[in-house]
Amino acid sequence: MKVSHPKHYLTYWRTPSLEAALLQDRPITSIWSQQYERLHSGDTIWISGPLLNHYICIGGLTVKRVINKDDNWTVEADTPLRPRIVDLTDSWKQYLTFESTARLTTKNRILPDGKQLQTLRVLSNESKLWLQKLFS
């Protein structure tokens, strides 16, 4: 039987969603998306996006369980995520990579192209370790 290890994913939120998460002044206990169908207990979702001409990450939410309601997949957090801003603007080109062979367009870009990050992507082990270090 194949043992599946928890995966780390990157999700890209638009600015209004990031602002709402930061301004609500309470931990994030659940998030939803039609893309979260493939997540499992123990996986981590790193929440990133643009804010004030910077590319930021507000933290990693570890999945407790995934609930399907009318093809909207809600992820409940194992531990509530208290969002904080970590600026990735100067380092994403060097450290942000994925398990897939697809690479982000970096030439002449200050921020990642949101269109390239619309799909939930599995982070490479190196990127996972980089984000964990930034948030430790």
C-alpha atoms as a PDB file:
ATOM      1  CA  MET A   1       0.000   0.000   0.000  1.00  0.00           C
ATOM      2  CA  LYS A   2       1.357   3.396  -1.002  1.00  0.00           C
ATOM      3  CA  VAL A   3       1.803   5.812   1.893  1.00  0.00           C
ATOM      4  CA  SER A   4       0.932   9.395   1.035  1.00  0.00           C
ATOM      5  CA  HIS A   5       2.918  12.096   2.792  1.00  0.00           C
ATOM      6  CA  PRO A   6       1.305  15.447   3.484  1.00  0.00           C
ATOM      7  CA  LYS A   7       1.845  17.941   0.700  1.00  0.00           C
ATOM      8  CA  HIS A   8       2.387  21.669   0.785  1.00  0.00           C
ATOM      9  CA  TYR A   9       0.414  23.761  -1.704  1.00  0.00           C
ATOM     10  CA  LEU A  10       0.532  27.393  -2.741  1.00  0.00           C
ATOM     11  CA  THR A  11      -2.749  29.213  -3.179  1.00  0.00           C
ATOM     12  CA  TYR A  12      -2.987  32.692  -4.663  1.00  0.00           C
ATOM     13  CA  TRP A  13      -5.508  35.149  -3.265  1.00  0.00           C
ATOM     14  CA  ARG A  14      -6.397  38.461  -4.840  1.00  0.00           C
ATOM     15  CA  THR A  15      -5.725  41.654  -2.899  1.00  0.00           C
ATOM     16  CA  PRO A  16      -9.279  42.088  -1.474  1.00  0.00           C
ATOM     17  CA  SER A  17      -9.190  38.582   0.024  1.00  0.00           C
ATOM     18  CA  LEU A  18      -5.785  39.178   1.595  1.00  0.00           C
ATOM     19  CA  GLU A  19      -6.886  42.540   2.991  1.00  0.00           C
ATOM     20  CA  ALA A  20     -10.024  40.993   4.487  1.00  0.00           C
ATOM     21  CA  ALA A  21      -7.999  38.219   6.147  1.00  0.00           C
ATOM     22  CA  LEU A  22      -5.534  40.723   7.603  1.00  0.00           C
ATOM     23  CA  LEU A  23      -8.150  43.236   8.754  1.00  0.00           C
ATOM     24  CA  GLN A  24     -10.556  40.824  10.425  1.00  0.00           C
ATOM     25  CA  ASP A  25      -8.213  40.581  13.439  1.00  0.00           C
ATOM     26  CA  ARG A  26      -9.057  36.967  14.173  1.00  0.00           C
ATOM     27  CA  PRO A  27      -7.516  33.647  13.171  1.00  0.00           C
ATOM     28  CA  ILE A  28      -8.518  31.909   9.958  1.00  0.00           C
ATOM     29  CA  THR A  29     -10.282  28.651  10.821  1.00  0.00           C
ATOM     30  CA  SER A  30     -11.532  27.668   7.356  1.00  0.00           C
ATOM     31  CA  ILE A  31     -11.162  28.600   3.696  1.00  0.00           C
ATOM     32  CA  TRP A  32     -12.957  27.380   0.586  1.00  0.00           C
ATOM     33  CA  SER A  33     -12.359  26.902  -3.116  1.00  0.00           C
ATOM     34  CA  GLN A  34     -13.472  24.532  -5.837  1.00  0.00           C
ATOM     35  CA  GLN A  35      -9.788  23.570  -6.139  1.00  0.00           C
ATOM     36  CA  TYR A  36      -9.488  22.171  -2.617  1.00  0.00           C
ATOM     37  CA  GLU A  37     -11.047  18.846  -3.636  1.00  0.00           C
ATOM     38  CA  ARG A  38      -7.617  17.210  -3.872  1.00  0.00           C
ATOM     39  CA  LEU A  39      -6.480  18.210  -0.383  1.00  0.00           C
ATOM     40  CA  HIS A  40      -6.230  15.759   2.512  1.00  0.00           C
ATOM     41  CA  SER A  41      -5.849  15.937   6.259  1.00  0.00           C
ATOM     42  CA  GLY A  42      -2.292  16.962   7.103  1.00  0.00           C
ATOM     43  CA  ASP A  43      -1.689  18.934   3.900  1.00  0.00           C
ATOM     44  CA  THR A  44      -0.700  22.600   4.227  1.00  0.00           C
ATOM     45  CA  ILE A  45      -1.946  25.498   2.111  1.00  0.00           C
ATOM     46  CA  TRP A  46       0.352  28.532   1.965  1.00  0.00           C
ATOM     47  CA  ILE A  47      -1.717  31.654   1.245  1.00  0.00           C
ATOM     48  CA  SER A  48      -0.026  34.240  -0.983  1.00  0.00           C
ATOM     49  CA  GLY A  49      -0.876  37.176  -3.197  1.00  0.00           C
ATOM     50  CA  PRO A  50      -0.277  40.816  -4.083  1.00  0.00           C
ATOM     51  CA  LEU A  51      -0.566  43.627  -1.559  1.00  0.00           C
ATOM     52  CA  LEU A  52       0.555  47.227  -2.133  1.00  0.00           C
ATOM     53  CA  ASN A  53       2.950  46.314  -4.968  1.00  0.00           C
ATOM     54  CA  HIS A  54       4.490  43.502  -2.939  1.00  0.00           C
ATOM     55  CA  TYR A  55       4.125  39.737  -3.196  1.00  0.00           C
ATOM     56  CA  ILE A  56       3.321  38.415   0.277  1.00  0.00           C
ATOM     57  CA  CYS A  57       2.464  35.247   2.138  1.00  0.00           C
ATOM     58  CA  ILE A  58       0.239  35.366   5.230  1.00  0.00           C
ATOM     59  CA  GLY A  59       0.999  31.854   6.476  1.00  0.00           C
ATOM     60  CA  GLY A  60       0.352  28.173   6.083  1.00  0.00           C
ATOM     61  CA  LEU A  61      -2.949  26.582   7.070  1.00  0.00           C
ATOM     62  CA  THR A  62      -2.726  22.879   7.913  1.00  0.00           C
ATOM     63  CA  VAL A  63      -5.775  20.891   6.829  1.00  0.00           C
ATOM     64  CA  LYS A  64      -7.826  19.109   9.483  1.00  0.00           C
ATOM     65  CA  ARG A  65     -10.555  17.988   7.089  1.00  0.00           C
ATOM     66  CA  VAL A  66     -12.085  18.814   3.738  1.00  0.00           C
ATOM     67  CA  ILE A  67     -15.867  19.134   3.354  1.00  0.00           C
ATOM     68  CA  ASN A  68     -17.762  19.150   0.050  1.00  0.00           C
ATOM     69  CA  LYS A  69     -20.974  21.112  -0.268  1.00  0.00           C
ATOM     70  CA  ASP A  70     -22.287  21.586  -3.808  1.00  0.00           C
ATOM     71  CA  ASP A  71     -18.752  21.336  -5.265  1.00  0.00           C
ATOM     72  CA  ASN A  72     -17.468  24.084  -2.990  1.00  0.00           C
ATOM     73  CA  TRP A  73     -14.703  22.507  -0.963  1.00  0.00           C
ATOM     74  CA  THR A  74     -14.196  23.915   2.514  1.00  0.00           C
ATOM     75  CA  VAL A  75     -10.960  23.261   4.356  1.00  0.00           C
ATOM     76  CA  GLU A  76     -11.095  23.345   8.130  1.00  0.00           C
ATOM     77  CA  ALA A  77      -7.834  24.233   9.843  1.00  0.00           C
ATOM     78  CA  ASP A  78      -6.075  21.847  12.189  1.00  0.00           C
ATOM     79  CA  THR A  79      -4.869  24.916  14.085  1.00  0.00           C
ATOM     80  CA  PRO A  80      -6.326  28.370  13.384  1.00  0.00           C
ATOM     81  CA  LEU A  81      -3.994  30.504  11.284  1.00  0.00           C
ATOM     82  CA  ARG A  82      -3.203  33.940  12.665  1.00  0.00           C
ATOM     83  CA  PRO A  83      -2.211  35.769   9.462  1.00  0.00           C
ATOM     84  CA  ARG A  84       0.923  37.871   9.345  1.00  0.00           C
ATOM     85  CA  ILE A  85       2.652  39.513   6.424  1.00  0.00           C
ATOM     86  CA  VAL A  86       5.907  38.050   5.160  1.00  0.00           C
ATOM     87  CA  ASP A  87       7.196  39.920   2.114  1.00  0.00           C
ATOM     88  CA  LEU A  88       8.393  37.575  -0.639  1.00  0.00           C
ATOM     89  CA  THR A  89       8.936  40.312  -3.254  1.00  0.00           C
ATOM     90  CA  ASP A  90      12.733  40.112  -3.289  1.00  0.00           C
ATOM     91  CA  SER A  91      13.037  36.335  -2.994  1.00  0.00           C
ATOM     92  CA  TRP A  92      10.198  34.550  -4.850  1.00  0.00           C
ATOM     93  CA  LYS A  93      12.163  34.306  -8.111  1.00  0.00           C
ATOM     94  CA  GLN A  94      14.934  32.390  -6.395  1.00  0.00           C
ATOM     95  CA  TYR A  95      12.980  30.188  -3.989  1.00  0.00           C
ATOM     96  CA  LEU A  96       9.467  29.583  -5.317  1.00  0.00           C
ATOM     97  CA  THR A  97       9.389  26.292  -7.250  1.00  0.00           C
ATOM     98  CA  PHE A  98       6.900  23.472  -7.643  1.00  0.00           C
ATOM     99  CA  GLU A  99       6.802  19.696  -8.050  1.00  0.00           C
ATOM    100  CA  SER A 100       5.587  20.116 -11.617  1.00  0.00           C
ATOM    101  CA  THR A 101       8.049  20.981 -14.356  1.00  0.00           C
ATOM    102  CA  ALA A 102       6.180  24.214 -15.122  1.00  0.00           C
ATOM    103  CA  ARG A 103       8.101  27.291 -14.027  1.00  0.00           C
ATOM    104  CA  LEU A 104       6.940  30.805 -13.273  1.00  0.00           C
ATOM    105  CA  THR A 105       7.722  33.591 -15.704  1.00  0.00           C
ATOM    106  CA  THR A 106      10.251  35.763 -13.906  1.00  0.00           C
ATOM    107  CA  LYS A 107      11.881  37.901 -16.589  1.00  0.00           C
ATOM    108  CA  ASN A 108      11.139  41.605 -16.091  1.00  0.00           C
ATOM    109  CA  ARG A 109       8.691  40.854 -13.278  1.00  0.00           C
ATOM    110  CA  ILE A 110       8.599  42.322  -9.786  1.00  0.00           C
ATOM    111  CA  LEU A 111       5.545  40.269  -8.793  1.00  0.00           C
ATOM    112  CA  PRO A 112       4.556  36.782  -9.980  1.00  0.00           C
ATOM    113  CA  ASP A 113       1.943  36.591 -12.712  1.00  0.00           C
ATOM    114  CA  GLY A 114      -1.299  35.821 -10.888  1.00  0.00           C
ATOM    115  CA  LYS A 115      -2.587  33.934 -13.931  1.00  0.00           C
ATOM    116  CA  GLN A 116       0.220  31.411 -13.460  1.00  0.00           C
ATOM    117  CA  LEU A 117      -0.764  30.897  -9.829  1.00  0.00           C
ATOM    118  CA  GLN A 118      -4.534  30.606 -10.225  1.00  0.00           C
ATOM    119  CA  THR A 119      -4.297  26.829 -10.003  1.00  0.00           C
ATOM    120  CA  LEU A 120      -3.442  25.280  -6.659  1.00  0.00           C
ATOM    121  CA  ARG A 121       0.154  24.057  -7.039  1.00  0.00           C
ATOM    122  CA  VAL A 122       2.247  21.590  -5.033  1.00  0.00           C
ATOM    123  CA  LEU A 123       5.372  23.247  -3.673  1.00  0.00           C
ATOM    124  CA  SER A 124       8.792  21.684  -4.112  1.00  0.00           C
ATOM    125  CA  ASN A 125      10.457  20.449  -0.929  1.00  0.00           C
ATOM    126  CA  GLU A 126      12.902  23.366  -1.125  1.00  0.00           C
ATOM    127  CA  SER A 127      10.073  25.919  -1.306  1.00  0.00           C
ATOM    128  CA  LYS A 128       8.247  24.234   1.558  1.00  0.00           C
ATOM    129  CA  LEU A 129      11.365  24.443   3.742  1.00  0.00           C
ATOM    130  CA  TRP A 130      11.923  28.075   2.702  1.00  0.00           C
ATOM    131  CA  LEU A 131       8.392  29.095   3.726  1.00  0.00           C
ATOM    132  CA  GLN A 132       8.570  27.128   6.971  1.00  0.00           C
ATOM    133  CA  LYS A 133      11.814  28.920   7.836  1.00  0.00           C
ATOM    134  CA  LEU A 134      10.319  32.338   7.047  1.00  0.00           C
ATOM    135  CA  PHE A 135       7.376  31.657   9.371  1.00  0.00           C
ATOM    136  CA  SER A 136       9.293  29.984  12.222  1.00  0.00           C
END
